[in-house]
Every structure is written in C-alpha cells, then in structure tokens.
Amino acid sequence: GIGDEESVKGILTSPDNRILVKRMLIKCADISNPCRPLELCIEWAGRISEEYFAQTDEEKRQSLPVVMPVFDRNTCSIPKSQISFIDYFITDMFDAWDAFADLPNLMQHLDNNFKYWKGLDERKLHSLRPPPE
C-alpha cells in the first residue's frame, strides 16, 4: 500500500487531497458498521434494518411508493441485505482506505462479518442470529 509516512505526507500537501481524505474519512466512519466487531455489527445491522422496515411500513400505510421494497419485514433477509451492502459499498472503499491508512483490524472484522452473514444466508436464515441449538 501507499500508507508509508512519506507517501501520506506527499498526498496531504495538496489542499484538494486533504479535503478528499477528510470526506472519505467521514464517509467511511458513517458506513463502517461491517468493519466493527461482530456483536456491534449485528446490533447495528438490526437497528438499520428496523429503521428501513419502519420506513417501508409507513410508505405502505400512506399508500406511497415503496422506496426500498427489499426491506419488507415479512420477507427481508437481513443476511442478504448485509452481504449486498458489503459487496456494493464497503469492500472496495475500505480496500482503498486500508491501502492508504493500513487498517488490518477493520479489514479482519470485515472479513469475519462477511463470513458470518454468508453462513446465515447459506442456511437460508433471514434473521440477525442463528436459532439457539
């Protein structure tokens, strides 16, 4: 990666680059849930799913167009939604951020969490956690 100190200093000499790095940092912080330890990842996946379920419920109640039909609480697979989020938004962004800032712990959590959601999905589970054994 380019995360050595001299390369980072070189990138940060440009005001435009500094602004871009700050924007990326804020964006990554905003969507970093899949890079947190598993228990936090599960907690936040549940919170965001509930927020989206409530939005879908309210849109249906008011006969409005449903913006995110996948977030119907009766049919949604939370593992599938997390896998898609990681595939479409997280992996490439955090690979780039890791190359810049060297974030092995976050990348390990991301890998672990992706495997967790894939495991639930492979078992055809739609919930945040597997059923008790």
Protein backbone atom coordinates (compact mmCIF):
# COMPACT_ATOMS: atom_id res chain seq x y z
CA GLY A 1 0.00 0.00 0.00
CA ILE A 2 0.92 3.66 -0.05
CA GLY A 3 0.45 4.01 3.68
CA ASP A 4 4.09 4.83 4.45
CA GLU A 5 4.63 8.17 6.16
CA GLU A 6 6.37 9.96 3.25
CA SER A 7 3.69 8.97 0.73
CA VAL A 8 0.91 10.09 3.06
CA LYS A 9 2.67 13.44 3.64
CA GLY A 10 3.01 13.87 -0.12
CA ILE A 11 -0.68 13.21 -0.69
CA LEU A 12 -1.67 15.57 2.11
CA THR A 13 0.34 18.54 0.77
CA SER A 14 -2.44 19.33 -1.70
CA PRO A 15 -5.44 21.16 -0.16
CA ASP A 16 -7.78 19.31 -2.55
CA ASN A 17 -6.35 15.97 -1.45
CA ARG A 18 -6.72 16.91 2.22
CA ILE A 19 -10.39 17.72 1.62
CA LEU A 20 -10.87 14.43 -0.26
CA VAL A 21 -9.20 12.44 2.53
CA LYS A 22 -11.41 14.15 5.14
CA ARG A 23 -14.54 13.42 3.09
CA MET A 24 -13.51 9.79 2.70
CA LEU A 25 -12.81 9.51 6.42
CA ILE A 26 -16.27 10.85 7.26
CA LYS A 27 -17.94 8.57 4.68
CA CYS A 28 -16.05 5.52 5.92
CA ALA A 29 -16.94 6.34 9.53
CA ASP A 30 -20.60 6.71 8.52
CA ILE A 31 -20.85 3.30 6.87
CA SER A 32 -18.24 1.39 8.90
CA ASN A 33 -20.67 -0.97 10.63
CA PRO A 34 -19.44 -4.07 8.73
CA CYS A 35 -15.89 -3.29 9.94
CA ARG A 36 -16.79 -3.36 13.63
CA PRO A 37 -16.52 -6.39 15.94
CA LEU A 38 -19.25 -8.94 15.19
CA GLU A 39 -21.53 -8.15 18.13
CA LEU A 40 -21.57 -4.45 17.23
CA CYS A 41 -22.06 -5.30 13.57
CA ILE A 42 -25.09 -7.44 14.41
CA GLU A 43 -26.52 -4.74 16.71
CA TRP A 44 -26.21 -2.02 14.07
CA ALA A 45 -27.49 -4.27 11.27
CA GLY A 46 -30.60 -4.82 13.41
CA ARG A 47 -31.02 -1.10 14.03
CA ILE A 48 -30.67 -0.05 10.40
CA SER A 49 -32.94 -2.89 9.26
CA GLU A 50 -35.61 -1.84 11.74
CA GLU A 51 -35.31 1.77 10.54
CA TYR A 52 -35.82 0.63 6.94
CA PHE A 53 -38.66 -1.74 7.91
CA ALA A 54 -40.43 1.16 9.66
CA GLN A 55 -39.96 3.35 6.58
CA THR A 56 -41.43 0.64 4.33
CA ASP A 57 -44.33 0.08 6.75
CA GLU A 58 -45.10 3.81 6.78
CA GLU A 59 -44.88 4.13 2.99
CA LYS A 60 -47.36 1.27 2.64
CA ARG A 61 -49.63 2.72 5.34
CA GLN A 62 -49.76 6.04 3.48
CA SER A 63 -50.11 4.37 0.04
CA LEU A 64 -46.83 5.96 -1.06
CA PRO A 65 -44.35 4.38 -3.45
CA VAL A 66 -42.15 1.97 -1.54
CA VAL A 67 -38.57 3.22 -1.91
CA MET A 68 -36.83 0.03 -0.71
CA PRO A 69 -39.17 -2.91 -1.34
CA VAL A 70 -36.49 -5.39 -0.23
CA PHE A 71 -36.99 -4.06 3.33
CA ASP A 72 -40.41 -5.62 3.86
CA ARG A 73 -40.21 -7.02 7.38
CA ASN A 74 -42.17 -10.13 6.32
CA THR A 75 -39.82 -11.16 3.51
CA CYS A 76 -36.46 -9.44 4.02
CA SER A 77 -33.32 -11.48 4.53
CA ILE A 78 -31.08 -9.40 6.79
CA PRO A 79 -28.04 -11.56 5.93
CA LYS A 80 -28.64 -10.98 2.19
CA SER A 81 -29.04 -7.23 2.76
CA GLN A 82 -25.74 -7.12 4.68
CA ILE A 83 -23.93 -9.19 2.05
CA SER A 84 -25.17 -6.84 -0.68
CA PHE A 85 -24.20 -3.75 1.33
CA ILE A 86 -20.70 -5.13 1.87
CA ASP A 87 -20.33 -6.17 -1.79
CA TYR A 88 -21.64 -2.94 -3.32
CA PHE A 89 -20.39 -0.26 -0.93
CA ILE A 90 -17.91 -1.46 1.67
CA THR A 91 -15.30 -3.77 0.18
CA ASP A 92 -13.79 -1.50 -2.49
CA MET A 93 -14.00 1.62 -0.33
CA PHE A 94 -12.31 0.01 2.65
CA ASP A 95 -9.72 -1.75 0.47
CA ALA A 96 -8.70 1.70 -0.79
CA TRP A 97 -8.81 3.21 2.69
CA ASP A 98 -6.74 0.30 4.03
CA ALA A 99 -4.11 0.87 1.31
CA PHE A 100 -3.89 4.49 2.44
CA ALA A 101 -4.15 4.14 6.23
CA ASP A 102 -3.30 0.47 6.97
CA LEU A 103 -6.32 -0.83 8.90
CA PRO A 104 -5.74 -4.56 9.49
CA ASN A 105 -8.16 -4.81 12.43
CA LEU A 106 -11.03 -3.25 10.50
CA MET A 107 -10.32 -5.43 7.48
CA GLN A 108 -10.26 -8.56 9.66
CA HIS A 109 -13.64 -7.64 11.20
CA LEU A 110 -14.99 -7.03 7.69
CA ASP A 111 -13.86 -10.48 6.58
CA ASN A 112 -15.24 -12.16 9.72
CA ASN A 113 -18.58 -10.36 9.44
CA PHE A 114 -18.97 -11.13 5.75
CA LYS A 115 -18.39 -14.83 6.53
CA TYR A 116 -20.94 -14.62 9.37
CA TRP A 117 -23.65 -13.19 7.08
CA LYS A 118 -22.76 -15.68 4.31
CA GLY A 119 -23.08 -18.53 6.81
CA LEU A 120 -26.57 -17.41 7.84
CA ASP A 121 -27.57 -16.93 4.20
CA GLU A 122 -26.31 -20.38 3.22
CA ARG A 123 -28.56 -21.81 5.95
CA LYS A 124 -31.48 -19.84 4.38
CA LEU A 125 -31.88 -17.81 7.58
CA HIS A 126 -33.38 -14.32 7.36
CA SER A 127 -32.61 -13.21 10.92
CA LEU A 128 -29.73 -11.47 12.67
CA ARG A 129 -28.67 -14.62 14.50
CA PRO A 130 -28.99 -18.36 14.09
CA PRO A 131 -31.65 -20.08 16.20
CA PRO A 132 -30.49 -21.50 19.53
CA GLU A 133 -29.13 -25.02 19.12
